[in-house]
Amino acid sequence: MKYNPDTHHRRSIRLKGYDYSQDGVYFVTICTHNIECMFGKIVDGKMCINEWGKIAERCWLEIPEHYPNVSLDEFVIMPNHIHGIIILNEKISIIGANVVGAKDFSPLHNNRPFGTFRTIGSIVRGFKIGCTKWFRKHTDIYTVWQRNYYEHIIRNEIELNKIRGYILNNPLNWEIDENYRI
């Protein structure tokens, strides 16, 4: 169906006017298509990832290889979604993050050719594409991810540590998770 602005009222869930290519720390949640449990199961409060979960984990861990101004912090592969913290920084360095120190990358935004912006959206899109290509090649699954993703801009160290705790404890809290499915 072709998009019709008179009948389709899509509203962005992104913060209006915010530049998602600027340095920052972002919490993202990416859900599977129809919230299907594809990546494993929770057993006694621990995530037991299956082969497909290992592929999603590998694709997640490869993000910095494709985006040199990105570092990853805490993340968890859940049965039907992924929670993770993405650090977008030209000189990878953040208070309290596991990646303290600086890498000397040249700024990518100065004289950057059109279409090469490194936004949180492009990073999530690249991750989804990488996983989807693997699934389409090795399984009969065509659609892996639901449209869009949730993001939250982390504004300080207190919030960062709170979200890290949420991610680490997510398997323990599976039965009360909004994405819980059997």
N, C-alpha and C. Protein backbone atom coordinates (compact mmCIF):
# COMPACT_ATOMS: atom_id res chain seq x y z
N MET A 1 0.84 -1.17 0.00
CA MET A 1 0.00 0.00 0.00
C MET A 1 0.89 1.24 0.00
N LYS A 2 0.60 2.15 -0.88
CA LYS A 2 1.37 3.39 -0.98
C LYS A 2 1.02 4.32 0.18
N TYR A 3 2.03 5.02 0.68
CA TYR A 3 1.83 5.97 1.78
C TYR A 3 0.95 7.13 1.33
N ASN A 4 -0.08 7.41 2.11
CA ASN A 4 -0.99 8.52 1.84
C ASN A 4 -1.06 9.36 3.11
N PRO A 5 -0.53 10.59 3.10
CA PRO A 5 -0.49 11.40 4.33
C PRO A 5 -1.87 11.75 4.87
N ASP A 6 -2.91 11.64 4.04
CA ASP A 6 -4.27 11.94 4.51
C ASP A 6 -4.85 10.81 5.34
N THR A 7 -4.42 9.58 5.07
CA THR A 7 -4.95 8.44 5.81
C THR A 7 -3.95 7.79 6.75
N HIS A 8 -2.67 7.97 6.47
CA HIS A 8 -1.62 7.41 7.31
C HIS A 8 -1.03 8.53 8.16
N HIS A 9 -1.17 8.40 9.44
CA HIS A 9 -0.71 9.45 10.35
C HIS A 9 0.46 8.94 11.17
N ARG A 10 1.57 8.72 10.51
CA ARG A 10 2.77 8.24 11.19
C ARG A 10 3.41 9.39 11.94
N ARG A 11 3.69 9.15 13.19
CA ARG A 11 4.40 10.14 13.98
C ARG A 11 5.71 9.54 14.43
N SER A 12 6.75 10.31 14.34
CA SER A 12 8.06 9.83 14.76
C SER A 12 8.11 9.72 16.27
N ILE A 13 8.80 8.70 16.75
CA ILE A 13 9.00 8.56 18.19
C ILE A 13 10.33 9.16 18.61
N ARG A 14 11.04 9.76 17.67
CA ARG A 14 12.32 10.38 17.96
C ARG A 14 12.12 11.77 18.56
N LEU A 15 13.11 12.23 19.30
CA LEU A 15 13.08 13.55 19.92
C LEU A 15 13.18 14.61 18.82
N LYS A 16 12.16 15.41 18.69
CA LYS A 16 12.09 16.41 17.62
C LYS A 16 13.26 17.39 17.72
N GLY A 17 13.94 17.58 16.61
CA GLY A 17 15.04 18.53 16.53
C GLY A 17 16.37 18.02 17.05
N TYR A 18 16.42 16.79 17.55
CA TYR A 18 17.66 16.25 18.10
C TYR A 18 18.50 15.66 16.97
N ASP A 19 19.79 15.90 16.99
CA ASP A 19 20.72 15.39 15.99
C ASP A 19 21.26 14.04 16.46
N TYR A 20 20.73 12.97 15.90
CA TYR A 20 21.12 11.61 16.30
C TYR A 20 22.46 11.17 15.73
N SER A 21 23.19 12.10 15.11
CA SER A 21 24.55 11.78 14.68
C SER A 21 25.56 12.40 15.64
N GLN A 22 25.07 13.16 16.61
CA GLN A 22 26.00 13.80 17.55
C GLN A 22 26.47 12.82 18.61
N ASP A 23 27.62 13.13 19.18
CA ASP A 23 28.17 12.30 20.25
C ASP A 23 27.12 12.11 21.34
N GLY A 24 27.03 10.90 21.84
CA GLY A 24 26.08 10.62 22.90
C GLY A 24 26.05 9.15 23.24
N VAL A 25 25.27 8.86 24.26
CA VAL A 25 25.08 7.49 24.72
C VAL A 25 23.60 7.18 24.57
N TYR A 26 23.30 6.08 23.90
CA TYR A 26 21.92 5.76 23.54
C TYR A 26 21.58 4.34 23.98
N PHE A 27 20.40 4.20 24.56
CA PHE A 27 19.86 2.90 24.92
C PHE A 27 18.86 2.53 23.83
N VAL A 28 19.04 1.35 23.23
CA VAL A 28 18.12 0.92 22.18
C VAL A 28 17.53 -0.44 22.51
N THR A 29 16.30 -0.62 22.04
CA THR A 29 15.63 -1.91 22.11
C THR A 29 15.13 -2.21 20.71
N ILE A 30 15.47 -3.39 20.22
CA ILE A 30 15.10 -3.82 18.88
C ILE A 30 14.34 -5.13 19.03
N CYS A 31 13.10 -5.18 18.54
CA CYS A 31 12.24 -6.36 18.71
C CYS A 31 12.13 -7.16 17.41
N THR A 32 11.95 -8.45 17.58
CA THR A 32 11.75 -9.34 16.44
C THR A 32 10.36 -9.12 15.85
N HIS A 33 10.21 -9.53 14.60
CA HIS A 33 8.93 -9.42 13.90
C HIS A 33 7.86 -10.19 14.69
N ASN A 34 6.74 -9.56 14.92
CA ASN A 34 5.62 -10.15 15.69
C ASN A 34 6.04 -10.60 17.08
N ILE A 35 7.10 -10.04 17.59
CA ILE A 35 7.63 -10.35 18.93
C ILE A 35 7.81 -11.87 19.11
N GLU A 36 8.25 -12.53 18.04
CA GLU A 36 8.46 -13.97 18.10
C GLU A 36 9.74 -14.30 18.85
N CYS A 37 9.70 -15.33 19.67
CA CYS A 37 10.88 -15.78 20.42
C CYS A 37 11.75 -16.61 19.48
N MET A 38 12.78 -15.97 18.95
CA MET A 38 13.64 -16.60 17.95
C MET A 38 15.04 -16.90 18.47
N PHE A 39 15.48 -16.20 19.52
CA PHE A 39 16.89 -16.20 19.88
C PHE A 39 17.25 -17.09 21.06
N GLY A 40 16.29 -17.84 21.57
CA GLY A 40 16.58 -18.72 22.70
C GLY A 40 15.47 -18.63 23.73
N LYS A 41 15.81 -19.00 24.96
CA LYS A 41 14.80 -18.96 26.02
C LYS A 41 15.47 -18.63 27.35
N ILE A 42 14.64 -18.23 28.28
CA ILE A 42 15.09 -17.93 29.63
C ILE A 42 14.90 -19.17 30.47
N VAL A 43 15.97 -19.60 31.13
CA VAL A 43 15.92 -20.76 32.02
C VAL A 43 16.52 -20.33 33.36
N ASP A 44 15.71 -20.43 34.40
CA ASP A 44 16.16 -20.04 35.76
C ASP A 44 16.77 -18.64 35.79
N GLY A 45 16.11 -17.71 35.10
CA GLY A 45 16.55 -16.32 35.13
C GLY A 45 17.77 -16.01 34.29
N LYS A 46 18.20 -16.96 33.44
CA LYS A 46 19.35 -16.73 32.58
C LYS A 46 18.96 -16.96 31.13
N MET A 47 19.49 -16.12 30.26
CA MET A 47 19.22 -16.26 28.83
C MET A 47 20.10 -17.35 28.25
N CYS A 48 19.46 -18.31 27.62
CA CYS A 48 20.16 -19.40 26.92
C CYS A 48 19.95 -19.15 25.43
N ILE A 49 20.96 -18.57 24.78
CA ILE A 49 20.78 -18.24 23.37
C ILE A 49 20.98 -19.46 22.50
N ASN A 50 20.20 -19.52 21.45
CA ASN A 50 20.32 -20.61 20.49
C ASN A 50 21.20 -20.16 19.32
N GLU A 51 21.26 -20.94 18.25
CA GLU A 51 22.10 -20.59 17.10
C GLU A 51 21.72 -19.23 16.53
N TRP A 52 20.42 -18.97 16.41
CA TRP A 52 19.97 -17.69 15.86
C TRP A 52 20.32 -16.54 16.80
N GLY A 53 20.24 -16.79 18.10
CA GLY A 53 20.64 -15.77 19.07
C GLY A 53 22.12 -15.46 18.97
N LYS A 54 22.91 -16.50 18.69
CA LYS A 54 24.36 -16.29 18.52
C LYS A 54 24.66 -15.45 17.27
N ILE A 55 23.85 -15.62 16.24
CA ILE A 55 24.02 -14.80 15.03
C ILE A 55 23.69 -13.35 15.35
N ALA A 56 22.59 -13.12 16.05
CA ALA A 56 22.21 -11.75 16.44
C ALA A 56 23.30 -11.14 17.32
N GLU A 57 23.84 -11.92 18.25
CA GLU A 57 24.91 -11.43 19.11
C GLU A 57 26.16 -11.09 18.30
N ARG A 58 26.52 -11.96 17.37
CA ARG A 58 27.70 -11.70 16.52
C ARG A 58 27.51 -10.42 15.71
N CYS A 59 26.32 -10.25 15.13
CA CYS A 59 26.04 -9.03 14.35
C CYS A 59 26.11 -7.79 15.24
N TRP A 60 25.60 -7.90 16.47
CA TRP A 60 25.66 -6.78 17.40
C TRP A 60 27.12 -6.41 17.71
N LEU A 61 27.91 -7.42 18.02
CA LEU A 61 29.31 -7.18 18.39
C LEU A 61 30.14 -6.65 17.22
N GLU A 62 29.69 -6.87 15.99
CA GLU A 62 30.40 -6.38 14.81
C GLU A 62 30.08 -4.92 14.48
N ILE A 63 29.13 -4.32 15.18
CA ILE A 63 28.76 -2.93 14.88
C ILE A 63 29.97 -2.00 14.84
N PRO A 64 30.89 -2.03 15.84
CA PRO A 64 32.03 -1.11 15.80
C PRO A 64 32.96 -1.33 14.60
N GLU A 65 32.94 -2.52 14.01
CA GLU A 65 33.76 -2.76 12.82
C GLU A 65 33.24 -1.98 11.62
N HIS A 66 31.94 -1.73 11.60
CA HIS A 66 31.32 -1.01 10.49
C HIS A 66 31.21 0.49 10.76
N TYR A 67 31.26 0.85 12.03
CA TYR A 67 31.12 2.25 12.43
C TYR A 67 32.24 2.57 13.42
N PRO A 68 33.37 3.10 12.93
CA PRO A 68 34.54 3.30 13.80
C PRO A 68 34.33 4.31 14.92
N ASN A 69 33.28 5.13 14.84
CA ASN A 69 33.01 6.09 15.91
C ASN A 69 32.00 5.55 16.92
N VAL A 70 31.82 4.24 16.93
CA VAL A 70 30.84 3.61 17.81
C VAL A 70 31.53 2.63 18.74
N SER A 71 31.08 2.62 19.97
CA SER A 71 31.50 1.62 20.93
C SER A 71 30.24 1.06 21.57
N LEU A 72 30.32 -0.18 22.02
CA LEU A 72 29.17 -0.82 22.65
C LEU A 72 29.42 -0.96 24.14
N ASP A 73 28.38 -0.83 24.91
CA ASP A 73 28.44 -1.02 26.35
C ASP A 73 27.59 -2.25 26.65
N GLU A 74 26.90 -2.27 27.75
CA GLU A 74 26.08 -3.44 28.13
C GLU A 74 25.04 -3.74 27.05
N PHE A 75 24.75 -5.02 26.86
CA PHE A 75 23.67 -5.44 25.97
C PHE A 75 23.22 -6.83 26.42
N VAL A 76 22.03 -7.19 25.99
CA VAL A 76 21.53 -8.54 26.24
C VAL A 76 20.67 -8.97 25.06
N ILE A 77 20.89 -10.20 24.63
CA ILE A 77 20.03 -10.82 23.63
C ILE A 77 18.95 -11.53 24.43
N MET A 78 17.70 -11.18 24.20
CA MET A 78 16.56 -11.81 24.85
C MET A 78 15.85 -12.70 23.83
N PRO A 79 14.88 -13.50 24.25
CA PRO A 79 14.21 -14.39 23.28
C PRO A 79 13.64 -13.67 22.06
N ASN A 80 13.11 -12.46 22.27
CA ASN A 80 12.46 -11.78 21.15
C ASN A 80 12.84 -10.31 20.99
N HIS A 81 13.90 -9.91 21.65
CA HIS A 81 14.37 -8.53 21.50
C HIS A 81 15.81 -8.41 21.98
N ILE A 82 16.38 -7.27 21.67
CA ILE A 82 17.75 -6.97 22.10
C ILE A 82 17.73 -5.62 22.78
N HIS A 83 18.37 -5.53 23.93
CA HIS A 83 18.61 -4.26 24.60
C HIS A 83 20.10 -3.98 24.51
N GLY A 84 20.47 -2.75 24.22
CA GLY A 84 21.89 -2.43 24.19
C GLY A 84 22.15 -0.95 24.33
N ILE A 85 23.36 -0.65 24.78
CA ILE A 85 23.81 0.73 24.90
C ILE A 85 24.85 0.96 23.82
N ILE A 86 24.60 1.99 23.00
CA ILE A 86 25.50 2.37 21.92
C ILE A 86 26.10 3.72 22.26
N ILE A 87 27.42 3.80 22.18
CA ILE A 87 28.12 5.05 22.44
C ILE A 87 28.61 5.58 21.10
N LEU A 88 28.11 6.75 20.75
CA LEU A 88 28.48 7.39 19.49
C LEU A 88 29.38 8.57 19.84
N ASN A 89 30.66 8.46 19.45
CA ASN A 89 31.61 9.48 19.85
C ASN A 89 32.80 9.47 18.91
N GLU A 90 33.17 10.62 18.43
CA GLU A 90 34.33 10.72 17.55
C GLU A 90 35.62 10.32 18.27
N LYS A 91 35.69 10.54 19.56
CA LYS A 91 36.87 10.17 20.34
C LYS A 91 36.40 9.30 21.51
N ILE A 92 35.94 8.12 21.21
CA ILE A 92 35.34 7.18 22.15
C ILE A 92 35.82 7.41 23.59
N SER A 93 34.98 7.99 24.40
CA SER A 93 35.30 8.26 25.80
C SER A 93 34.03 8.68 26.51
N ILE A 94 33.72 8.06 27.62
CA ILE A 94 32.54 8.44 28.38
C ILE A 94 32.77 8.19 29.86
N ILE A 95 32.18 9.01 30.66
CA ILE A 95 32.27 8.87 32.12
C ILE A 95 31.67 7.53 32.51
N GLY A 96 32.42 6.74 33.22
CA GLY A 96 31.89 5.50 33.78
C GLY A 96 31.65 4.37 32.80
N ALA A 97 31.89 4.57 31.51
CA ALA A 97 31.65 3.50 30.55
C ALA A 97 32.80 2.51 30.57
N ASN A 98 32.55 1.34 30.05
CA ASN A 98 33.58 0.30 29.99
C ASN A 98 34.66 0.64 28.97
N VAL A 99 34.50 1.71 28.24
CA VAL A 99 35.39 2.03 27.14
C VAL A 99 36.17 3.31 27.41
N VAL A 100 36.52 3.56 28.63
CA VAL A 100 37.24 4.79 28.96
C VAL A 100 38.56 4.81 28.20
N GLY A 101 38.92 5.96 27.71
CA GLY A 101 40.11 6.11 26.88
C GLY A 101 39.70 6.78 25.60
N ALA A 102 40.62 7.18 24.81
CA ALA A 102 40.27 7.86 23.57
C ALA A 102 40.94 7.17 22.40
N LYS A 103 40.17 7.02 21.35
CA LYS A 103 40.72 6.55 20.08
C LYS A 103 40.81 7.79 19.21
N ASP A 104 41.87 7.93 18.48
CA ASP A 104 42.08 9.13 17.69
C ASP A 104 41.54 8.99 16.27
N PHE A 105 40.23 9.04 16.11
CA PHE A 105 39.63 9.00 14.80
C PHE A 105 39.41 10.42 14.32
N SER A 106 39.63 10.65 13.05
CA SER A 106 39.33 11.95 12.47
C SER A 106 37.83 12.13 12.49
N PRO A 107 37.36 13.36 12.70
CA PRO A 107 35.90 13.58 12.65
C PRO A 107 35.35 13.16 11.30
N LEU A 108 34.28 12.35 11.32
CA LEU A 108 33.70 11.87 10.08
C LEU A 108 32.71 12.87 9.50
N HIS A 109 32.19 13.81 10.32
CA HIS A 109 31.15 14.69 9.82
C HIS A 109 31.70 15.87 9.03
N ASN A 110 32.97 16.23 9.17
CA ASN A 110 33.53 17.31 8.37
C ASN A 110 33.80 16.79 6.97
N ASN A 111 33.30 17.45 5.97
CA ASN A 111 33.50 17.05 4.57
C ASN A 111 33.02 15.63 4.30
N ARG A 112 32.02 15.18 5.01
CA ARG A 112 31.51 13.83 4.82
C ARG A 112 30.63 13.79 3.57
N PRO A 113 30.85 12.82 2.67
CA PRO A 113 30.01 12.74 1.48
C PRO A 113 28.56 12.45 1.85
N PHE A 114 27.66 12.90 1.01
CA PHE A 114 26.23 12.66 1.24
C PHE A 114 25.97 11.16 1.40
N GLY A 115 25.12 10.81 2.36
CA GLY A 115 24.72 9.42 2.56
C GLY A 115 25.61 8.63 3.49
N THR A 116 26.62 9.26 4.09
CA THR A 116 27.51 8.50 4.97
C THR A 116 27.37 8.92 6.42
N PHE A 117 26.28 9.58 6.77
CA PHE A 117 26.09 10.00 8.14
C PHE A 117 26.00 8.80 9.07
N ARG A 118 26.57 8.92 10.25
CA ARG A 118 26.57 7.84 11.22
C ARG A 118 25.60 8.19 12.34
N THR A 119 24.34 7.95 12.10
CA THR A 119 23.33 8.23 13.11
C THR A 119 22.97 6.93 13.83
N ILE A 120 22.30 7.07 14.95
CA ILE A 120 21.81 5.87 15.65
C ILE A 120 20.90 5.09 14.71
N GLY A 121 20.07 5.78 13.96
CA GLY A 121 19.18 5.10 13.01
C GLY A 121 19.94 4.30 11.96
N SER A 122 21.03 4.85 11.43
CA SER A 122 21.79 4.12 10.41
C SER A 122 22.51 2.93 11.04
N ILE A 123 22.94 3.06 12.28
CA ILE A 123 23.60 1.96 12.97
C ILE A 123 22.62 0.81 13.21
N VAL A 124 21.43 1.14 13.72
CA VAL A 124 20.41 0.11 13.96
C VAL A 124 20.00 -0.52 12.63
N ARG A 125 19.82 0.29 11.61
CA ARG A 125 19.44 -0.23 10.29
C ARG A 125 20.50 -1.20 9.77
N GLY A 126 21.79 -0.83 9.89
CA GLY A 126 22.87 -1.70 9.45
C GLY A 126 22.88 -3.02 10.20
N PHE A 127 22.65 -2.96 11.52
CA PHE A 127 22.58 -4.18 12.33
C PHE A 127 21.44 -5.08 11.84
N LYS A 128 20.26 -4.49 11.65
CA LYS A 128 19.10 -5.27 11.21
C LYS A 128 19.35 -5.88 9.83
N ILE A 129 19.95 -5.12 8.93
CA ILE A 129 20.22 -5.63 7.59
C ILE A 129 21.19 -6.81 7.65
N GLY A 130 22.25 -6.68 8.44
CA GLY A 130 23.23 -7.76 8.56
C GLY A 130 22.59 -9.06 9.06
N CYS A 131 21.79 -8.94 10.11
CA CYS A 131 21.10 -10.14 10.63
C CYS A 131 20.13 -10.71 9.61
N THR A 132 19.35 -9.84 9.00
CA THR A 132 18.34 -10.29 8.04
C THR A 132 18.98 -11.01 6.86
N LYS A 133 20.10 -10.50 6.37
CA LYS A 133 20.79 -11.18 5.26
C LYS A 133 21.17 -12.60 5.64
N TRP A 134 21.69 -12.78 6.86
CA TRP A 134 22.06 -14.12 7.30
C TRP A 134 20.82 -15.02 7.36
N PHE A 135 19.74 -14.52 7.95
CA PHE A 135 18.52 -15.33 8.08
C PHE A 135 17.97 -15.72 6.71
N ARG A 136 17.96 -14.79 5.79
CA ARG A 136 17.42 -15.08 4.46
C ARG A 136 18.28 -16.10 3.72
N LYS A 137 19.57 -16.08 3.97
CA LYS A 137 20.47 -17.02 3.29
C LYS A 137 20.42 -18.41 3.91
N HIS A 138 20.25 -18.50 5.24
CA HIS A 138 20.39 -19.78 5.93
C HIS A 138 19.10 -20.38 6.48
N THR A 139 17.99 -19.64 6.41
CA THR A 139 16.72 -20.15 6.93
C THR A 139 15.61 -19.78 5.94
N ASP A 140 14.40 -20.18 6.28
CA ASP A 140 13.25 -19.77 5.46
C ASP A 140 12.57 -18.52 6.04
N ILE A 141 13.23 -17.87 6.99
CA ILE A 141 12.69 -16.65 7.61
C ILE A 141 13.07 -15.46 6.75
N TYR A 142 12.07 -14.71 6.34
CA TYR A 142 12.31 -13.55 5.49
C TYR A 142 12.30 -12.25 6.30
N THR A 143 11.36 -12.12 7.24
CA THR A 143 11.24 -10.91 8.05
C THR A 143 11.68 -11.23 9.47
N VAL A 144 12.76 -10.62 9.91
CA VAL A 144 13.32 -10.89 11.23
C VAL A 144 12.89 -9.85 12.25
N TRP A 145 12.86 -8.59 11.86
CA TRP A 145 12.67 -7.50 12.81
C TRP A 145 11.35 -6.77 12.59
N GLN A 146 10.81 -6.26 13.69
CA GLN A 146 9.66 -5.38 13.55
C GLN A 146 10.15 -4.03 13.07
N ARG A 147 9.26 -3.26 12.51
CA ARG A 147 9.59 -1.93 12.01
C ARG A 147 10.01 -1.06 13.19
N ASN A 148 10.98 -0.21 12.97
CA ASN A 148 11.43 0.78 13.93
C ASN A 148 12.19 0.15 15.10
N TYR A 149 12.42 0.93 16.13
CA TYR A 149 13.11 0.49 17.33
C TYR A 149 12.87 1.55 18.40
N TYR A 150 13.10 1.19 19.64
CA TYR A 150 12.98 2.14 20.74
C TYR A 150 14.37 2.69 21.03
N GLU A 151 14.46 3.98 21.31
CA GLU A 151 15.73 4.54 21.74
C GLU A 151 15.48 5.54 22.86
N HIS A 152 16.51 5.70 23.67
CA HIS A 152 16.48 6.67 24.76
C HIS A 152 17.87 7.29 24.84
N ILE A 153 17.91 8.61 24.88
CA ILE A 153 19.18 9.32 25.00
C ILE A 153 19.56 9.31 26.48
N ILE A 154 20.72 8.74 26.78
CA ILE A 154 21.19 8.67 28.17
C ILE A 154 21.93 9.97 28.46
N ARG A 155 21.48 10.67 29.51
CA ARG A 155 21.97 12.03 29.75
C ARG A 155 23.02 12.18 30.84
N ASN A 156 23.17 11.16 31.70
CA ASN A 156 24.17 11.29 32.77
C ASN A 156 24.56 9.91 33.28
N GLU A 157 25.58 9.89 34.15
CA GLU A 157 26.12 8.62 34.65
C GLU A 157 25.13 7.86 35.52
N ILE A 158 24.32 8.57 36.29
CA ILE A 158 23.31 7.89 37.12
C ILE A 158 22.34 7.13 36.24
N GLU A 159 21.86 7.79 35.19
CA GLU A 159 20.94 7.15 34.26
C GLU A 159 21.62 5.98 33.53
N LEU A 160 22.88 6.17 33.14
CA LEU A 160 23.64 5.12 32.48
C LEU A 160 23.72 3.87 33.36
N ASN A 161 24.06 4.05 34.61
CA ASN A 161 24.17 2.90 35.52
C ASN A 161 22.82 2.24 35.78
N LYS A 162 21.77 3.03 35.85
CA LYS A 162 20.42 2.48 36.04
C LYS A 162 20.03 1.60 34.84
N ILE A 163 20.32 2.09 33.63
CA ILE A 163 19.99 1.33 32.42
C ILE A 163 20.87 0.09 32.29
N ARG A 164 22.13 0.19 32.68
CA ARG A 164 22.99 -1.00 32.70
C ARG A 164 22.38 -2.07 33.60
N GLY A 165 21.92 -1.67 34.78
CA GLY A 165 21.28 -2.61 35.70
C GLY A 165 20.04 -3.23 35.08
N TYR A 166 19.24 -2.42 34.41
CA TYR A 166 18.04 -2.92 33.75
C TYR A 166 18.39 -3.99 32.72
N ILE A 167 19.42 -3.71 31.92
CA ILE A 167 19.85 -4.66 30.89
C ILE A 167 20.34 -5.95 31.53
N LEU A 168 21.23 -5.84 32.51
CA LEU A 168 21.79 -7.03 33.15
C LEU A 168 20.73 -7.87 33.85
N ASN A 169 19.70 -7.23 34.39
CA ASN A 169 18.65 -7.95 35.12
C ASN A 169 17.47 -8.34 34.24
N ASN A 170 17.50 -7.99 32.98
CA ASN A 170 16.37 -8.28 32.11
C ASN A 170 16.00 -9.76 32.07
N PRO A 171 16.96 -10.69 31.96
CA PRO A 171 16.57 -12.11 31.98
C PRO A 171 15.89 -12.53 33.28
N LEU A 172 16.32 -11.97 34.40
CA LEU A 172 15.68 -12.28 35.69
C LEU A 172 14.24 -11.80 35.74
N ASN A 173 13.96 -10.73 35.02
CA ASN A 173 12.63 -10.12 35.04
C ASN A 173 11.79 -10.48 33.83
N TRP A 174 12.16 -11.53 33.13
CA TRP A 174 11.51 -11.91 31.89
C TRP A 174 10.00 -12.05 32.03
N GLU A 175 9.53 -12.68 33.07
CA GLU A 175 8.10 -12.94 33.20
C GLU A 175 7.27 -11.68 33.41
N ILE A 176 7.90 -10.59 33.79
CA ILE A 176 7.15 -9.33 33.92
C ILE A 176 7.52 -8.34 32.81
N ASP A 177 8.35 -8.77 31.85
CA ASP A 177 8.77 -7.93 30.73
C ASP A 177 7.58 -7.71 29.79
N GLU A 178 7.44 -6.49 29.25
CA GLU A 178 6.35 -6.21 28.32
C GLU A 178 6.44 -7.04 27.04
N ASN A 179 7.62 -7.56 26.72
CA ASN A 179 7.81 -8.39 25.53
C ASN A 179 7.74 -9.89 25.84
N TYR A 180 7.35 -10.23 27.07
CA TYR A 180 7.31 -11.64 27.49
C TYR A 180 6.35 -12.44 26.62
N ARG A 181 6.82 -13.54 26.11
CA ARG A 181 6.02 -14.52 25.35
C ARG A 181 6.51 -15.89 25.75
N ILE A 182 5.65 -16.83 25.70
CA ILE A 182 6.04 -18.22 26.00
C ILE A 182 6.39 -18.92 24.70
